[in-house]
Amino acid sequence: MIFLKRIGIAMLFLIAIQTLTFYTIGERSLIKEIGNNYESYVLQYNENEFKDIGVISELNPTREQVIEYFSEFRTYNLKICTSTSDCSDLQENNYFYFYFFDFETKNPFTVNLINEGEWAKEFGASWDSKYIWIVYKWILIEKTNTGIS
């Protein structure tokens, strides 16, 4: 009986740690993982010469985080937005590029679906990424391209 009690206490402790770390450091470290796993079909396309990049996410990444984790964006003028309407001024010229990412599902105990996409002029691409949070780190399970235009 004491053995089962200890297992129960250990399980409750692990559940508490998993939940606490997910909601305190999870979003910040997700930005790092998305940056490390970033890929693009549009940004490096031969005819595209971008000056401005709009990074759109409700995760509110800082400019410093974007520069640190998305190394491809370092040479561009960055604007961080929470919606496309916040970055609408970038669309006034033909040299803009939008990259967006956000949670579709968010749960500390299941697979989290992240939507990612990029858009510039008449080009676009999107991905669905599956990540799981394990105590202090995001693990990429699968990244699937869901469309290119």
Protein backbone atom coordinates (compact mmCIF):
# COMPACT_ATOMS: atom_id res chain seq x y z
CA MET A 1 0.00 0.00 0.00
CA ILE A 2 2.86 2.40 0.81
CA PHE A 3 4.37 1.56 -2.58
CA LEU A 4 1.17 2.60 -4.40
CA LYS A 5 0.96 5.75 -2.33
CA ARG A 6 4.52 6.73 -3.33
CA ILE A 7 3.79 6.05 -6.99
CA GLY A 8 0.66 8.22 -6.73
CA ILE A 9 2.60 11.08 -5.13
CA ALA A 10 5.33 10.81 -7.78
CA MET A 11 2.70 10.87 -10.56
CA LEU A 12 1.03 13.95 -9.09
CA PHE A 13 4.42 15.66 -8.80
CA LEU A 14 5.25 14.90 -12.46
CA ILE A 15 1.83 16.12 -13.62
CA ALA A 16 2.30 19.35 -11.66
CA ILE A 17 5.80 19.92 -13.10
CA GLN A 18 4.59 19.18 -16.66
CA THR A 19 1.70 21.64 -16.33
CA LEU A 20 3.72 24.35 -14.60
CA THR A 21 6.58 24.32 -17.11
CA PHE A 22 4.20 24.17 -20.09
CA TYR A 23 2.39 27.34 -19.05
CA THR A 24 5.47 29.25 -17.84
CA ILE A 25 8.26 28.52 -20.33
CA GLY A 26 6.48 26.52 -23.03
CA GLU A 27 5.50 29.34 -25.38
CA ARG A 28 8.90 31.03 -25.21
CA SER A 29 10.75 27.82 -25.99
CA LEU A 30 8.26 26.95 -28.77
CA ILE A 31 9.40 30.06 -30.64
CA LYS A 32 12.95 28.70 -30.46
CA GLU A 33 11.92 25.27 -31.77
CA ILE A 34 9.87 26.73 -34.62
CA GLY A 35 12.86 28.88 -35.56
CA ASN A 36 15.19 25.88 -35.48
CA ASN A 37 12.80 23.91 -37.72
CA TYR A 38 11.95 26.83 -40.02
CA GLU A 39 11.81 26.12 -43.74
CA SER A 40 10.69 28.24 -46.65
CA TYR A 41 9.65 27.82 -50.26
CA VAL A 42 9.02 31.52 -50.82
CA LEU A 43 11.76 33.51 -49.06
CA GLN A 44 14.65 32.21 -51.18
CA TYR A 45 12.69 31.93 -54.44
CA ASN A 46 14.82 33.36 -57.27
CA GLU A 47 12.62 36.28 -58.30
CA ASN A 48 11.75 37.45 -54.79
CA GLU A 49 13.76 40.33 -53.38
CA PHE A 50 12.22 41.21 -50.04
CA LYS A 51 13.02 44.20 -47.90
CA ASP A 52 10.47 43.75 -45.12
CA ILE A 53 9.37 40.70 -43.15
CA GLY A 54 6.27 40.59 -41.00
CA VAL A 55 6.31 37.88 -38.34
CA ILE A 56 2.74 37.24 -37.26
CA SER A 57 1.90 35.24 -34.13
CA GLU A 58 -0.28 35.47 -31.05
CA LEU A 59 2.69 34.06 -29.11
CA ASN A 60 4.13 37.60 -29.16
CA PRO A 61 7.73 36.86 -30.05
CA THR A 62 10.14 39.69 -29.40
CA ARG A 63 12.32 41.14 -32.13
CA GLU A 64 15.37 39.71 -30.34
CA GLN A 65 13.86 36.20 -30.27
CA VAL A 66 13.07 36.34 -33.99
CA ILE A 67 16.57 37.53 -34.86
CA GLU A 68 18.14 34.88 -32.62
CA TYR A 69 16.04 31.86 -33.62
CA PHE A 70 15.20 32.66 -37.26
CA SER A 71 18.67 33.28 -38.67
CA GLU A 72 17.30 33.73 -42.21
CA PHE A 73 15.47 36.90 -41.11
CA ARG A 74 18.50 38.76 -39.73
CA THR A 75 19.22 40.84 -42.85
CA TYR A 76 15.66 42.12 -43.32
CA ASN A 77 13.56 44.88 -41.77
CA LEU A 78 11.40 43.08 -39.21
CA LYS A 79 7.95 43.91 -37.96
CA ILE A 80 6.37 41.74 -35.27
CA CYS A 81 2.56 41.58 -35.36
CA THR A 82 -0.26 39.64 -33.74
CA SER A 83 -2.46 39.71 -36.87
CA THR A 84 -2.18 40.40 -40.60
CA SER A 85 -4.05 43.67 -40.17
CA ASP A 86 -1.29 44.87 -37.81
CA CYS A 87 1.21 44.30 -40.63
CA SER A 88 -0.99 45.69 -43.43
CA ASP A 89 1.35 48.64 -44.00
CA LEU A 90 3.99 46.19 -45.30
CA GLN A 91 1.67 45.21 -48.16
CA GLU A 92 1.87 48.70 -49.64
CA ASN A 93 4.96 47.72 -51.59
CA ASN A 94 5.65 44.54 -53.56
CA TYR A 95 8.65 43.57 -51.44
CA PHE A 96 6.97 42.14 -48.35
CA TYR A 97 7.05 38.66 -46.84
CA PHE A 98 4.81 37.38 -44.05
CA TYR A 99 5.65 34.41 -41.87
CA PHE A 100 3.00 33.29 -39.39
CA PHE A 101 2.75 30.57 -36.76
CA ASP A 102 0.36 29.78 -33.94
CA PHE A 103 -1.23 26.99 -31.92
CA GLU A 104 -4.18 25.12 -33.34
CA THR A 105 -4.31 22.85 -30.30
CA LYS A 106 -2.62 23.61 -26.99
CA ASN A 107 -2.41 21.03 -24.20
CA PRO A 108 0.47 20.05 -21.88
CA PHE A 109 -0.44 16.34 -22.07
CA THR A 110 -1.13 15.73 -25.76
CA VAL A 111 0.33 16.46 -29.17
CA ASN A 112 0.08 20.16 -30.02
CA LEU A 113 -0.70 21.16 -33.59
CA ILE A 114 1.08 24.30 -34.80
CA ASN A 115 0.07 26.04 -38.02
CA GLU A 116 2.89 27.71 -39.93
CA GLY A 117 2.77 29.60 -43.19
CA GLU A 118 4.42 32.13 -45.42
CA TRP A 119 3.01 34.56 -47.92
CA ALA A 120 4.46 37.10 -50.33
CA LYS A 121 2.97 38.71 -53.42
CA GLU A 122 1.25 35.81 -55.19
CA PHE A 123 3.31 33.07 -53.49
CA GLY A 124 2.42 31.08 -50.40
CA ALA A 125 3.11 27.87 -48.50
CA SER A 126 1.85 26.32 -45.28
CA TRP A 127 2.75 23.56 -42.85
CA ASP A 128 1.14 21.67 -40.00
CA SER A 129 3.65 20.76 -37.31
CA LYS A 130 3.08 18.38 -34.43
CA TYR A 131 5.03 19.08 -31.25
CA ILE A 132 4.83 17.53 -27.82
CA TRP A 133 5.96 19.19 -24.59
CA ILE A 134 8.08 17.00 -22.31
CA VAL A 135 8.81 18.70 -18.96
CA TYR A 136 11.17 21.40 -20.30
CA LYS A 137 11.48 20.93 -24.07
CA TRP A 138 9.42 20.75 -27.25
CA ILE A 139 9.91 17.69 -29.44
CA LEU A 140 8.99 17.92 -33.12
CA ILE A 141 7.09 14.79 -34.07
CA GLU A 142 6.10 15.63 -37.63
CA LYS A 143 6.10 18.57 -40.01
CA THR A 144 3.89 18.28 -43.09
CA ASN A 145 3.65 20.70 -45.98
CA THR A 146 -0.06 21.31 -46.55
CA GLY A 147 0.14 23.54 -49.60
CA ILE A 148 2.26 25.56 -52.00
CA SER A 149 0.99 28.14 -54.44
